[in-house]
């Protein structure tokens, strides 16, 4: 009986997280306060689902071509702006910021950790 109860909770949680992703895909500019009115969730869950969607979109985008639907969607998700406020300049700044936050930032953090590891290994 306990196993079945845990399985139900896990399944409900997966469905709830999928609902958050769907909400964000339908209204990518939505903020946590908009989502939590419709779906019981916390800010960390919304941010995590937003990041997952942004990573999936970023993988589809050619950085040299910011004039695509995915780039507009990424900009709305990242900046929490509605479609009518998405401009070419905003898309350009988004991809630069996004690259720094998710690629360059990770690379530098990783280099720092490797240096620390080598220091302690001696």
PDB file of N, CA and C in Angstrom:
ATOM      1  N   UNK A   1       0.824  -1.191   0.000  1.00  0.00           N
ATOM      2  CA  UNK A   1       0.000   0.000   0.000  1.00  0.00           C
ATOM      3  C   UNK A   1       0.877   1.268   0.000  1.00  0.00           C
ATOM      4  N   UNK A   2       1.929   1.266   0.817  1.00  0.00           N
ATOM      5  CA  UNK A   2       2.806   2.434   0.895  1.00  0.00           C
ATOM      6  C   UNK A   2       3.483   2.694  -0.444  1.00  0.00           C
ATOM      7  N   UNK A   3       3.916   1.642  -1.113  1.00  0.00           N
ATOM      8  CA  UNK A   3       4.589   1.787  -2.398  1.00  0.00           C
ATOM      9  C   UNK A   3       3.649   2.434  -3.419  1.00  0.00           C
ATOM     10  N   UNK A   4       2.401   2.028  -3.425  1.00  0.00           N
ATOM     11  CA  UNK A   4       1.417   2.570  -4.351  1.00  0.00           C
ATOM     12  C   UNK A   4       1.173   4.049  -4.076  1.00  0.00           C
ATOM     13  N   UNK A   5       1.133   4.432  -2.800  1.00  0.00           N
ATOM     14  CA  UNK A   5       0.941   5.824  -2.412  1.00  0.00           C
ATOM     15  C   UNK A   5       2.110   6.689  -2.900  1.00  0.00           C
ATOM     16  N   UNK A   6       3.327   6.218  -2.718  1.00  0.00           N
ATOM     17  CA  UNK A   6       4.507   6.941  -3.190  1.00  0.00           C
ATOM     18  C   UNK A   6       4.514   7.059  -4.706  1.00  0.00           C
ATOM     19  N   UNK A   7       4.099   5.994  -5.370  1.00  0.00           N
ATOM     20  CA  UNK A   7       4.025   5.995  -6.830  1.00  0.00           C
ATOM     21  C   UNK A   7       3.018   7.036  -7.308  1.00  0.00           C
ATOM     22  N   UNK A   8       1.890   7.132  -6.636  1.00  0.00           N
ATOM     23  CA  UNK A   8       0.870   8.130  -6.993  1.00  0.00           C
ATOM     24  C   UNK A   8       1.389   9.549  -6.790  1.00  0.00           C
ATOM     25  N   UNK A   9       2.093   9.779  -5.688  1.00  0.00           N
ATOM     26  CA  UNK A   9       2.657  11.103  -5.411  1.00  0.00           C
ATOM     27  C   UNK A   9       3.690  11.476  -6.467  1.00  0.00           C
ATOM     28  N   UNK A  10       4.536  10.518  -6.820  1.00  0.00           N
ATOM     29  CA  UNK A  10       5.573  10.762  -7.822  1.00  0.00           C
ATOM     30  C   UNK A  10       4.937  11.095  -9.179  1.00  0.00           C
ATOM     31  N   UNK A  11       3.926  10.340  -9.546  1.00  0.00           N
ATOM     32  CA  UNK A  11       3.233  10.560 -10.821  1.00  0.00           C
ATOM     33  C   UNK A  11       2.542  11.929 -10.837  1.00  0.00           C
ATOM     34  N   UNK A  12       1.916  12.296  -9.721  1.00  0.00           N
ATOM     35  CA  UNK A  12       1.249  13.596  -9.618  1.00  0.00           C
ATOM     36  C   UNK A  12       2.271  14.727  -9.724  1.00  0.00           C
ATOM     37  N   UNK A  13       3.444  14.535  -9.118  1.00  0.00           N
ATOM     38  CA  UNK A  13       4.495  15.549  -9.182  1.00  0.00           C
ATOM     39  C   UNK A  13       4.999  15.721 -10.615  1.00  0.00           C
ATOM     40  N   UNK A  14       5.206  14.623 -11.315  1.00  0.00           N
ATOM     41  CA  UNK A  14       5.646  14.667 -12.717  1.00  0.00           C
ATOM     42  C   UNK A  14       4.607  15.401 -13.568  1.00  0.00           C
ATOM     43  N   UNK A  15       3.343  15.118 -13.346  1.00  0.00           N
ATOM     44  CA  UNK A  15       2.274  15.773 -14.100  1.00  0.00           C
ATOM     45  C   UNK A  15       2.214  17.273 -13.785  1.00  0.00           C
ATOM     46  N   UNK A  16       2.427  17.637 -12.529  1.00  0.00           N
ATOM     47  CA  UNK A  16       2.413  19.030 -12.123  1.00  0.00           C
ATOM     48  C   UNK A  16       3.565  19.800 -12.783  1.00  0.00           C
ATOM     49  N   UNK A  17       4.753  19.200 -12.806  1.00  0.00           N
ATOM     50  CA  UNK A  17       5.902  19.841 -13.450  1.00  0.00           C
ATOM     51  C   UNK A  17       5.672  19.982 -14.959  1.00  0.00           C
ATOM     52  N   UNK A  18       5.042  18.984 -15.551  1.00  0.00           N
ATOM     53  CA  UNK A  18       4.699  19.057 -16.986  1.00  0.00           C
ATOM     54  C   UNK A  18       3.690  20.184 -17.228  1.00  0.00           C
ATOM     55  N   UNK A  19       2.791  20.390 -16.278  1.00  0.00           N
ATOM     56  CA  UNK A  19       1.814  21.482 -16.388  1.00  0.00           C
ATOM     57  C   UNK A  19       2.508  22.840 -16.344  1.00  0.00           C
ATOM     58  N   UNK A  20       3.534  22.955 -15.501  1.00  0.00           N
ATOM     59  CA  UNK A  20       4.308  24.205 -15.427  1.00  0.00           C
ATOM     60  C   UNK A  20       4.990  24.462 -16.770  1.00  0.00           C
ATOM     61  N   UNK A  21       5.617  23.424 -17.353  1.00  0.00           N
ATOM     62  CA  UNK A  21       6.274  23.576 -18.663  1.00  0.00           C
ATOM     63  C   UNK A  21       5.269  23.989 -19.735  1.00  0.00           C
ATOM     64  N   UNK A  22       4.106  23.361 -19.736  1.00  0.00           N
ATOM     65  CA  UNK A  22       3.069  23.692 -20.725  1.00  0.00           C
ATOM     66  C   UNK A  22       2.621  25.144 -20.553  1.00  0.00           C
ATOM     67  N   UNK A  23       2.426  25.558 -19.317  1.00  0.00           N
ATOM     68  CA  UNK A  23       2.031  26.941 -19.039  1.00  0.00           C
ATOM     69  C   UNK A  23       3.079  27.896 -19.603  1.00  0.00           C
ATOM     70  N   UNK A  24       4.347  27.594 -19.363  1.00  0.00           N
ATOM     71  CA  UNK A  24       5.436  28.442 -19.857  1.00  0.00           C
ATOM     72  C   UNK A  24       5.527  28.440 -21.381  1.00  0.00           C
ATOM     73  N   UNK A  25       5.217  27.327 -22.019  1.00  0.00           N
ATOM     74  CA  UNK A  25       5.235  27.279 -23.483  1.00  0.00           C
ATOM     75  C   UNK A  25       4.054  28.063 -24.060  1.00  0.00           C
ATOM     76  N   UNK A  26       2.908  28.020 -23.376  1.00  0.00           N
ATOM     77  CA  UNK A  26       1.737  28.762 -23.831  1.00  0.00           C
ATOM     78  C   UNK A  26       1.877  30.261 -23.570  1.00  0.00           C
ATOM     79  N   UNK A  27       2.549  30.607 -22.472  1.00  0.00           N
ATOM     80  CA  UNK A  27       2.713  31.998 -22.070  1.00  0.00           C
ATOM     81  C   UNK A  27       4.140  32.184 -21.537  1.00  0.00           C
ATOM     82  N   UNK A  28       5.135  32.201 -22.442  1.00  0.00           N
ATOM     83  CA  UNK A  28       6.542  32.190 -22.019  1.00  0.00           C
ATOM     84  C   UNK A  28       6.971  33.401 -21.193  1.00  0.00           C
ATOM     85  N   UNK A  29       6.228  34.476 -21.247  1.00  0.00           N
ATOM     86  CA  UNK A  29       6.562  35.664 -20.471  1.00  0.00           C
ATOM     87  C   UNK A  29       5.996  35.603 -19.052  1.00  0.00           C
ATOM     88  N   UNK A  30       5.271  34.538 -18.735  1.00  0.00           N
ATOM     89  CA  UNK A  30       4.648  34.413 -17.410  1.00  0.00           C
ATOM     90  C   UNK A  30       5.700  34.413 -16.302  1.00  0.00           C
ATOM     91  N   UNK A  31       5.325  35.008 -15.202  1.00  0.00           N
ATOM     92  CA  UNK A  31       6.181  35.027 -14.018  1.00  0.00           C
ATOM     93  C   UNK A  31       5.606  34.045 -13.004  1.00  0.00           C
ATOM     94  N   UNK A  32       6.384  33.767 -11.992  1.00  0.00           N
ATOM     95  CA  UNK A  32       5.957  32.824 -10.949  1.00  0.00           C
ATOM     96  C   UNK A  32       4.579  33.185 -10.398  1.00  0.00           C
ATOM     97  N   UNK A  33       4.349  34.483 -10.125  1.00  0.00           N
ATOM     98  CA  UNK A  33       3.069  34.892  -9.536  1.00  0.00           C
ATOM     99  C   UNK A  33       1.883  34.572 -10.448  1.00  0.00           C
ATOM    100  N   UNK A  34       2.099  34.558 -11.769  1.00  0.00           N
ATOM    101  CA  UNK A  34       1.036  34.191 -12.714  1.00  0.00           C
ATOM    102  C   UNK A  34       0.773  32.686 -12.670  1.00  0.00           C
ATOM    103  N   UNK A  35       1.842  31.923 -12.603  1.00  0.00           N
ATOM    104  CA  UNK A  35       1.740  30.460 -12.671  1.00  0.00           C
ATOM    105  C   UNK A  35       1.157  29.877 -11.402  1.00  0.00           C
ATOM    106  N   UNK A  36       1.609  30.371 -10.232  1.00  0.00           N
ATOM    107  CA  UNK A  36       1.160  29.781  -8.978  1.00  0.00           C
ATOM    108  C   UNK A  36      -0.316  30.020  -8.702  1.00  0.00           C
ATOM    109  N   UNK A  37      -0.939  30.955  -9.428  1.00  0.00           N
ATOM    110  CA  UNK A  37      -2.391  31.157  -9.316  1.00  0.00           C
ATOM    111  C   UNK A  37      -3.149  29.997  -9.946  1.00  0.00           C
ATOM    112  N   UNK A  38      -2.518  29.355 -10.934  1.00  0.00           N
ATOM    113  CA  UNK A  38      -3.156  28.269 -11.680  1.00  0.00           C
ATOM    114  C   UNK A  38      -2.676  26.879 -11.267  1.00  0.00           C
ATOM    115  N   UNK A  39      -1.411  26.790 -10.879  1.00  0.00           N
ATOM    116  CA  UNK A  39      -0.796  25.492 -10.573  1.00  0.00           C
ATOM    117  C   UNK A  39      -0.110  25.585  -9.217  1.00  0.00           C
ATOM    118  N   UNK A  40      -0.414  24.669  -8.295  1.00  0.00           N
ATOM    119  CA  UNK A  40       0.289  24.712  -7.000  1.00  0.00           C
ATOM    120  C   UNK A  40       1.772  24.384  -7.208  1.00  0.00           C
ATOM    121  N   UNK A  41       2.643  25.355  -6.927  1.00  0.00           N
ATOM    122  CA  UNK A  41       4.072  25.175  -7.163  1.00  0.00           C
ATOM    123  C   UNK A  41       4.848  26.195  -6.338  1.00  0.00           C
ATOM    124  N   UNK A  42       6.180  26.041  -6.346  1.00  0.00           N
ATOM    125  CA  UNK A  42       7.015  27.050  -5.701  1.00  0.00           C
ATOM    126  C   UNK A  42       7.924  27.676  -6.760  1.00  0.00           C
ATOM    127  N   UNK A  43       8.577  28.763  -6.387  1.00  0.00           N
ATOM    128  CA  UNK A  43       9.403  29.523  -7.337  1.00  0.00           C
ATOM    129  C   UNK A  43      10.554  28.689  -7.884  1.00  0.00           C
ATOM    130  N   UNK A  44      11.151  27.841  -7.050  1.00  0.00           N
ATOM    131  CA  UNK A  44      12.261  26.997  -7.510  1.00  0.00           C
ATOM    132  C   UNK A  44      11.816  26.051  -8.626  1.00  0.00           C
ATOM    133  N   UNK A  45      10.627  25.486  -8.483  1.00  0.00           N
ATOM    134  CA  UNK A  45      10.118  24.571  -9.518  1.00  0.00           C
ATOM    135  C   UNK A  45       9.896  25.318 -10.833  1.00  0.00           C
ATOM    136  N   UNK A  46       9.327  26.509 -10.755  1.00  0.00           N
ATOM    137  CA  UNK A  46       9.090  27.303 -11.964  1.00  0.00           C
ATOM    138  C   UNK A  46      10.417  27.659 -12.625  1.00  0.00           C
ATOM    139  N   UNK A  47      11.382  28.100 -11.832  1.00  0.00           N
ATOM    140  CA  UNK A  47      12.694  28.455 -12.383  1.00  0.00           C
ATOM    141  C   UNK A  47      13.376  27.253 -13.014  1.00  0.00           C
ATOM    142  N   UNK A  48      13.287  26.103 -12.378  1.00  0.00           N
ATOM    143  CA  UNK A  48      13.910  24.899 -12.932  1.00  0.00           C
ATOM    144  C   UNK A  48      13.270  24.513 -14.263  1.00  0.00           C
ATOM    145  N   UNK A  49      11.958  24.556 -14.340  1.00  0.00           N
ATOM    146  CA  UNK A  49      11.272  24.216 -15.590  1.00  0.00           C
ATOM    147  C   UNK A  49      11.584  25.248 -16.668  1.00  0.00           C
ATOM    148  N   UNK A  50      11.693  26.511 -16.302  1.00  0.00           N
ATOM    149  CA  UNK A  50      12.053  27.574 -17.250  1.00  0.00           C
ATOM    150  C   UNK A  50      13.453  27.309 -17.821  1.00  0.00           C
ATOM    151  N   UNK A  51      14.387  26.946 -16.958  1.00  0.00           N
ATOM    152  CA  UNK A  51      15.759  26.660 -17.399  1.00  0.00           C
ATOM    153  C   UNK A  51      15.793  25.460 -18.344  1.00  0.00           C
ATOM    154  N   UNK A  52      15.038  24.424 -18.028  1.00  0.00           N
ATOM    155  CA  UNK A  52      14.974  23.240 -18.896  1.00  0.00           C
ATOM    156  C   UNK A  52      14.491  23.650 -20.292  1.00  0.00           C
ATOM    157  N   UNK A  53      13.437  24.438 -20.347  1.00  0.00           N
ATOM    158  CA  UNK A  53      12.913  24.887 -21.645  1.00  0.00           C
ATOM    159  C   UNK A  53      13.926  25.756 -22.388  1.00  0.00           C
ATOM    160  N   UNK A  54      14.589  26.657 -21.668  1.00  0.00           N
ATOM    161  CA  UNK A  54      15.581  27.522 -22.314  1.00  0.00           C
ATOM    162  C   UNK A  54      16.737  26.706 -22.877  1.00  0.00           C
ATOM    163  N   UNK A  55      17.178  25.702 -22.147  1.00  0.00           N
ATOM    164  CA  UNK A  55      18.272  24.862 -22.631  1.00  0.00           C
ATOM    165  C   UNK A  55      17.867  24.102 -23.885  1.00  0.00           C
ATOM    166  N   UNK A  56      16.640  23.591 -23.909  1.00  0.00           N
ATOM    167  CA  UNK A  56      16.155  22.879 -25.095  1.00  0.00           C
ATOM    168  C   UNK A  56      16.069  23.819 -26.290  1.00  0.00           C
ATOM    169  N   UNK A  57      15.573  25.022 -26.069  1.00  0.00           N
ATOM    170  CA  UNK A  57      15.479  25.996 -27.154  1.00  0.00           C
ATOM    171  C   UNK A  57      16.860  26.415 -27.640  1.00  0.00           C
ATOM    172  N   UNK A  58      17.760  26.669 -26.718  1.00  0.00           N
ATOM    173  CA  UNK A  58      19.101  27.120 -27.079  1.00  0.00           C
ATOM    174  C   UNK A  58      19.803  26.095 -27.962  1.00  0.00           C
ATOM    175  N   UNK A  59      19.535  24.834 -27.728  1.00  0.00           N
ATOM    176  CA  UNK A  59      20.155  23.775 -28.529  1.00  0.00           C
ATOM    177  C   UNK A  59      19.667  23.818 -29.986  1.00  0.00           C
ATOM    178  N   UNK A  60      18.514  24.422 -30.217  1.00  0.00           N
ATOM    179  CA  UNK A  60      17.945  24.479 -31.570  1.00  0.00           C
ATOM    180  C   UNK A  60      18.315  25.754 -32.324  1.00  0.00           C
ATOM    181  N   UNK A  61      18.914  26.712 -31.624  1.00  0.00           N
ATOM    182  CA  UNK A  61      19.151  28.029 -32.222  1.00  0.00           C
ATOM    183  C   UNK A  61      20.543  28.135 -32.821  1.00  0.00           C
ATOM    184  N   UNK A  62      20.583  28.674 -34.031  1.00  0.00           N
ATOM    185  CA  UNK A  62      21.836  29.039 -34.666  1.00  0.00           C
ATOM    186  C   UNK A  62      22.117  30.478 -34.238  1.00  0.00           C
ATOM    187  N   UNK A  63      23.188  30.703 -33.497  1.00  0.00           N
ATOM    188  CA  UNK A  63      23.480  32.010 -32.919  1.00  0.00           C
ATOM    189  C   UNK A  63      23.627  33.090 -33.990  1.00  0.00           C
ATOM    190  N   UNK A  64      23.990  32.701 -35.189  1.00  0.00           N
ATOM    191  CA  UNK A  64      24.139  33.679 -36.279  1.00  0.00           C
ATOM    192  C   UNK A  64      22.783  34.087 -36.868  1.00  0.00           C
ATOM    193  N   UNK A  65      21.720  33.326 -36.541  1.00  0.00           N
ATOM    194  CA  UNK A  65      20.385  33.637 -37.049  1.00  0.00           C
ATOM    195  C   UNK A  65      19.428  33.822 -35.872  1.00  0.00           C
ATOM    196  N   UNK A  66      19.302  35.067 -35.427  1.00  0.00           N
ATOM    197  CA  UNK A  66      18.402  35.322 -34.295  1.00  0.00           C
ATOM    198  C   UNK A  66      16.987  35.649 -34.753  1.00  0.00           C
ATOM    199  N   UNK A  67      16.747  35.574 -36.055  1.00  0.00           N
ATOM    200  CA  UNK A  67      15.419  35.866 -36.587  1.00  0.00           C
ATOM    201  C   UNK A  67      14.636  34.567 -36.784  1.00  0.00           C
ATOM    202  N   UNK A  68      14.342  33.901 -35.668  1.00  0.00           N
ATOM    203  CA  UNK A  68      13.585  32.651 -35.735  1.00  0.00           C
ATOM    204  C   UNK A  68      12.620  32.578 -34.544  1.00  0.00           C
ATOM    205  N   UNK A  69      11.640  31.726 -34.667  1.00  0.00           N
ATOM    206  CA  UNK A  69      10.629  31.587 -33.615  1.00  0.00           C
ATOM    207  C   UNK A  69      11.262  31.148 -32.295  1.00  0.00           C
ATOM    208  N   UNK A  70      12.202  30.207 -32.355  1.00  0.00           N
ATOM    209  CA  UNK A  70      12.835  29.699 -31.140  1.00  0.00           C
ATOM    210  C   UNK A  70      13.559  30.805 -30.385  1.00  0.00           C
ATOM    211  N   UNK A  71      14.200  31.716 -31.134  1.00  0.00           N
ATOM    212  CA  UNK A  71      14.923  32.819 -30.498  1.00  0.00           C
ATOM    213  C   UNK A  71      13.951  33.768 -29.810  1.00  0.00           C
ATOM    214  N   UNK A  72      12.824  34.033 -30.449  1.00  0.00           N
ATOM    215  CA  UNK A  72      11.793  34.879 -29.832  1.00  0.00           C
ATOM    216  C   UNK A  72      11.256  34.223 -28.567  1.00  0.00           C
ATOM    217  N   UNK A  73      11.009  32.932 -28.652  1.00  0.00           N
ATOM    218  CA  UNK A  73      10.505  32.181 -27.495  1.00  0.00           C
ATOM    219  C   UNK A  73      11.529  32.193 -26.356  1.00  0.00           C
ATOM    220  N   UNK A  74      12.787  31.978 -26.697  1.00  0.00           N
ATOM    221  CA  UNK A  74      13.854  32.011 -25.697  1.00  0.00           C
ATOM    222  C   UNK A  74      13.920  33.388 -25.031  1.00  0.00           C
ATOM    223  N   UNK A  75      13.800  34.435 -25.818  1.00  0.00           N
ATOM    224  CA  UNK A  75      13.832  35.799 -25.283  1.00  0.00           C
ATOM    225  C   UNK A  75      12.666  36.033 -24.324  1.00  0.00           C
ATOM    226  N   UNK A  76      11.474  35.586 -24.704  1.00  0.00           N
ATOM    227  CA  UNK A  76      10.311  35.748 -23.830  1.00  0.00           C
ATOM    228  C   UNK A  76      10.496  34.989 -22.523  1.00  0.00           C
ATOM    229  N   UNK A  77      11.017  33.767 -22.609  1.00  0.00           N
ATOM    230  CA  UNK A  77      11.256  32.965 -21.404  1.00  0.00           C
ATOM    231  C   UNK A  77      12.316  33.597 -20.507  1.00  0.00           C
ATOM    232  N   UNK A  78      13.402  34.033 -21.122  1.00  0.00           N
ATOM    233  CA  UNK A  78      14.544  34.532 -20.369  1.00  0.00           C
ATOM    234  C   UNK A  78      14.293  35.908 -19.756  1.00  0.00           C
ATOM    235  N   UNK A  79      13.643  36.777 -20.518  1.00  0.00           N
ATOM    236  CA  UNK A  79      13.414  38.152 -20.066  1.00  0.00           C
ATOM    237  C   UNK A  79      12.029  38.365 -19.459  1.00  0.00           C
ATOM    238  N   UNK A  80      11.149  37.362 -19.575  1.00  0.00           N
ATOM    239  CA  UNK A  80       9.756  37.475 -19.111  1.00  0.00           C
ATOM    240  C   UNK A  80       9.061  38.681 -19.749  1.00  0.00           C
ATOM    241  N   UNK A  81       9.198  38.778 -21.072  1.00  0.00           N
ATOM    242  CA  UNK A  81       8.537  39.860 -21.810  1.00  0.00           C
ATOM    243  C   UNK A  81       7.522  39.268 -22.785  1.00  0.00           C
ATOM    244  N   UNK A  82       6.391  39.955 -22.983  1.00  0.00           N
ATOM    245  CA  UNK A  82       5.383  39.466 -23.934  1.00  0.00           C
ATOM    246  C   UNK A  82       5.865  39.651 -25.375  1.00  0.00           C
ATOM    247  N   UNK A  83       5.226  38.970 -26.309  1.00  0.00           N
ATOM    248  CA  UNK A  83       5.677  38.981 -27.708  1.00  0.00           C
ATOM    249  C   UNK A  83       5.812  40.386 -28.305  1.00  0.00           C
ATOM    250  N   UNK A  84       4.904  41.284 -27.970  1.00  0.00           N
ATOM    251  CA  UNK A  84       4.960  42.619 -28.571  1.00  0.00           C
ATOM    252  C   UNK A  84       6.165  43.436 -28.103  1.00  0.00           C
ATOM    253  N   UNK A  85       6.843  43.000 -27.055  1.00  0.00           N
ATOM    254  CA  UNK A  85       8.032  43.720 -26.573  1.00  0.00           C
ATOM    255  C   UNK A  85       9.344  43.081 -27.030  1.00  0.00           C
ATOM    256  N   UNK A  86       9.258  42.002 -27.818  1.00  0.00           N
ATOM    257  CA  UNK A  86      10.463  41.342 -28.326  1.00  0.00           C
ATOM    258  C   UNK A  86      10.960  42.107 -29.549  1.00  0.00           C
ATOM    259  N   UNK A  87      12.168  42.634 -29.443  1.00  0.00           N
ATOM    260  CA  UNK A  87      12.791  43.367 -30.551  1.00  0.00           C
ATOM    261  C   UNK A  87      14.067  42.634 -30.974  1.00  0.00           C
ATOM    262  N   UNK A  88      14.605  43.011 -32.114  1.00  0.00           N
ATOM    263  CA  UNK A  88      15.865  42.417 -32.571  1.00  0.00           C
ATOM    264  C   UNK A  88      16.983  42.690 -31.564  1.00  0.00           C
ATOM    265  N   UNK A  89      17.006  43.905 -31.031  1.00  0.00           N
ATOM    266  CA  UNK A  89      18.037  44.266 -30.049  1.00  0.00           C
ATOM    267  C   UNK A  89      17.916  43.409 -28.791  1.00  0.00           C
ATOM    268  N   UNK A  90      16.680  43.183 -28.353  1.00  0.00           N
ATOM    269  CA  UNK A  90      16.455  42.366 -27.154  1.00  0.00           C
ATOM    270  C   UNK A  90      16.877  40.921 -27.402  1.00  0.00           C
ATOM    271  N   UNK A  91      16.602  40.422 -28.600  1.00  0.00           N
ATOM    272  CA  UNK A  91      17.033  39.061 -28.941  1.00  0.00           C
ATOM    273  C   UNK A  91      18.550  38.961 -28.947  1.00  0.00           C
ATOM    274  N   UNK A  92      19.207  39.958 -29.522  1.00  0.00           N
ATOM    275  CA  UNK A  92      20.681  39.961 -29.552  1.00  0.00           C
ATOM    276  C   UNK A  92      21.263  39.989 -28.139  1.00  0.00           C
ATOM    277  N   UNK A  93      20.729  40.856 -27.294  1.00  0.00           N
ATOM    278  CA  UNK A  93      21.256  40.935 -25.926  1.00  0.00           C
ATOM    279  C   UNK A  93      20.938  39.670 -25.137  1.00  0.00           C
ATOM    280  N   UNK A  94      19.809  39.055 -25.448  1.00  0.00           N
ATOM    281  CA  UNK A  94      19.437  37.815 -24.763  1.00  0.00           C
ATOM    282  C   UNK A  94      20.412  36.696 -25.088  1.00  0.00           C
ATOM    283  N   UNK A  95      20.732  36.528 -26.366  1.00  0.00           N
ATOM    284  CA  UNK A  95      21.622  35.430 -26.733  1.00  0.00           C
ATOM    285  C   UNK A  95      23.018  35.663 -26.169  1.00  0.00           C
ATOM    286  N   UNK A  96      23.456  36.907 -26.119  1.00  0.00           N
ATOM    287  CA  UNK A  96      24.762  37.191 -25.518  1.00  0.00           C
ATOM    288  C   UNK A  96      24.746  36.885 -24.029  1.00  0.00           C
ATOM    289  N   UNK A  97      23.725  37.328 -23.347  1.00  0.00           N
ATOM    290  CA  UNK A  97      23.595  37.086 -21.904  1.00  0.00           C
ATOM    291  C   UNK A  97      23.405  35.594 -21.640  1.00  0.00           C
ATOM    292  N   UNK A  98      22.588  34.968 -22.448  1.00  0.00           N
ATOM    293  CA  UNK A  98      22.316  33.541 -22.274  1.00  0.00           C
ATOM    294  C   UNK A  98      23.595  32.737 -22.430  1.00  0.00           C
ATOM    295  N   UNK A  99      24.374  33.065 -23.430  1.00  0.00           N
ATOM    296  CA  UNK A  99      25.644  32.368 -23.642  1.00  0.00           C
ATOM    297  C   UNK A  99      26.556  32.541 -22.449  1.00  0.00           C
ATOM    298  N   UNK A 100      26.613  33.757 -21.922  1.00  0.00           N
ATOM    299  CA  UNK A 100      27.473  34.019 -20.767  1.00  0.00           C
ATOM    300  C   UNK A 100      27.007  33.221 -19.550  1.00  0.00           C
ATOM    301  N   UNK A 101      25.708  33.249 -19.295  1.00  0.00           N
ATOM    302  CA  UNK A 101      25.173  32.573 -18.110  1.00  0.00           C
ATOM    303  C   UNK A 101      25.284  31.058 -18.184  1.00  0.00           C
ATOM    304  N   UNK A 102      25.008  30.496 -19.346  1.00  0.00           N
ATOM    305  CA  UNK A 102      24.904  29.040 -19.424  1.00  0.00           C
ATOM    306  C   UNK A 102      26.126  28.343 -20.009  1.00  0.00           C
ATOM    307  N   UNK A 103      26.895  29.039 -20.825  1.00  0.00           N
ATOM    308  CA  UNK A 103      28.046  28.387 -21.439  1.00  0.00           C
ATOM    309  C   UNK A 103      29.344  28.920 -20.842  1.00  0.00           C
ATOM    310  N   UNK A 104      29.613  30.214 -21.038  1.00  0.00           N
ATOM    311  CA  UNK A 104      30.858  30.792 -20.541  1.00  0.00           C
ATOM    312  C   UNK A 104      30.945  30.723 -19.021  1.00  0.00           C
ATOM    313  N   UNK A 105      29.852  31.008 -18.330  1.00  0.00           N
ATOM    314  CA  UNK A 105      29.855  30.954 -16.873  1.00  0.00           C
ATOM    315  C   UNK A 105      30.180  29.561 -16.374  1.00  0.00           C
ATOM    316  N   UNK A 106      29.613  28.552 -17.026  1.00  0.00           N
ATOM    317  CA  UNK A 106      29.889  27.164 -16.656  1.00  0.00           C
ATOM    318  C   UNK A 106      31.353  26.829 -16.907  1.00  0.00           C
ATOM    319  N   UNK A 107      31.871  27.263 -18.055  1.00  0.00           N
ATOM    320  CA  UNK A 107      33.257  26.955 -18.420  1.00  0.00           C
ATOM    321  C   UNK A 107      34.219  27.545 -17.388  1.00  0.00           C
ATOM    322  N   UNK A 108      33.991  28.807 -16.997  1.00  0.00           N
ATOM    323  CA  UNK A 108      34.889  29.439 -16.032  1.00  0.00           C
ATOM    324  C   UNK A 108      34.762  28.792 -14.656  1.00  0.00           C
ATOM    325  N   UNK A 109      33.550  28.478 -14.258  1.00  0.00           N
ATOM    326  CA  UNK A 109      33.350  27.823 -12.954  1.00  0.00           C
ATOM    327  C   UNK A 109      34.074  26.483 -12.954  1.00  0.00           C
ATOM    328  N   UNK A 110      34.008  25.782 -14.056  1.00  0.00           N
ATOM    329  CA  UNK A 110      34.654  24.479 -14.155  1.00  0.00           C
ATOM    330  C   UNK A 110      36.182  24.634 -14.077  1.00  0.00           C
ATOM    331  N   UNK A 111      36.730  25.641 -14.755  1.00  0.00           N
ATOM    332  CA  UNK A 111      38.173  25.879 -14.703  1.00  0.00           C
ATOM    333  C   UNK A 111      38.611  26.178 -13.270  1.00  0.00           C
ATOM    334  N   UNK A 112      37.829  26.984 -12.550  1.00  0.00           N
ATOM    335  CA  UNK A 112      38.145  27.314 -11.162  1.00  0.00           C
ATOM    336  C   UNK A 112      38.154  26.056 -10.300  1.00  0.00           C
ATOM    337  N   UNK A 113      37.190  25.191 -10.519  1.00  0.00           N
ATOM    338  CA  UNK A 113      37.118  23.944  -9.737  1.00  0.00           C
ATOM    339  C   UNK A 113      38.296  23.031 -10.041  1.00  0.00           C
ATOM    340  N   UNK A 114      38.730  22.991 -11.293  1.00  0.00           N
ATOM    341  CA  UNK A 114      39.878  22.161 -11.666  1.00  0.00           C
ATOM    342  C   UNK A 114      41.133  22.698 -10.983  1.00  0.00           C
ATOM    343  N   UNK A 115      41.302  24.031 -10.969  1.00  0.00           N
ATOM    344  CA  UNK A 115      42.458  24.630 -10.300  1.00  0.00           C
ATOM    345  C   UNK A 115      42.460  24.290  -8.811  1.00  0.00           C
ATOM    346  N   UNK A 116      41.293  24.389  -8.170  1.00  0.00           N
ATOM    347  CA  UNK A 116      41.185  24.065  -6.739  1.00  0.00           C
ATOM    348  C   UNK A 116      41.533  22.599  -6.505  1.00  0.00           C
ATOM    349  N   UNK A 117      41.026  21.734  -7.389  1.00  0.00           N
ATOM    350  CA  UNK A 117      41.279  20.307  -7.250  1.00  0.00           C
ATOM    351  C   UNK A 117      42.784  20.016  -7.340  1.00  0.00           C
ATOM    352  N   UNK A 118      43.462  20.607  -8.325  1.00  0.00           N
ATOM    353  CA  UNK A 118      44.891  20.398  -8.503  1.00  0.00           C
ATOM    354  C   UNK A 118      45.665  20.915  -7.290  1.00  0.00           C
ATOM    355  N   UNK A 119      45.205  22.031  -6.733  1.00  0.00           N
ATOM    356  CA  UNK A 119      45.858  22.615  -5.557  1.00  0.00           C
ATOM    357  C   UNK A 119      45.782  21.641  -4.369  1.00  0.00           C
ATOM    358  N   UNK A 120      44.613  21.033  -4.163  1.00  0.00           N
ATOM    359  CA  UNK A 120      44.432  20.125  -3.033  1.00  0.00           C
ATOM    360  C   UNK A 120      45.070  18.759  -3.263  1.00  0.00           C
ATOM    361  N   UNK A 121      45.247  18.397  -4.522  1.00  0.00           N
ATOM    362  CA  UNK A 121      45.794  17.082  -4.863  1.00  0.00           C
ATOM    363  C   UNK A 121      47.273  16.979  -4.538  1.00  0.00           C
ATOM    364  N   UNK A 122      47.987  18.121  -4.519  1.00  0.00           N
ATOM    365  CA  UNK A 122      49.447  18.128  -4.303  1.00  0.00           C
ATOM    366  C   UNK A 122      49.859  17.583  -2.975  1.00  0.00           C
TER     367      UNK A 122
END
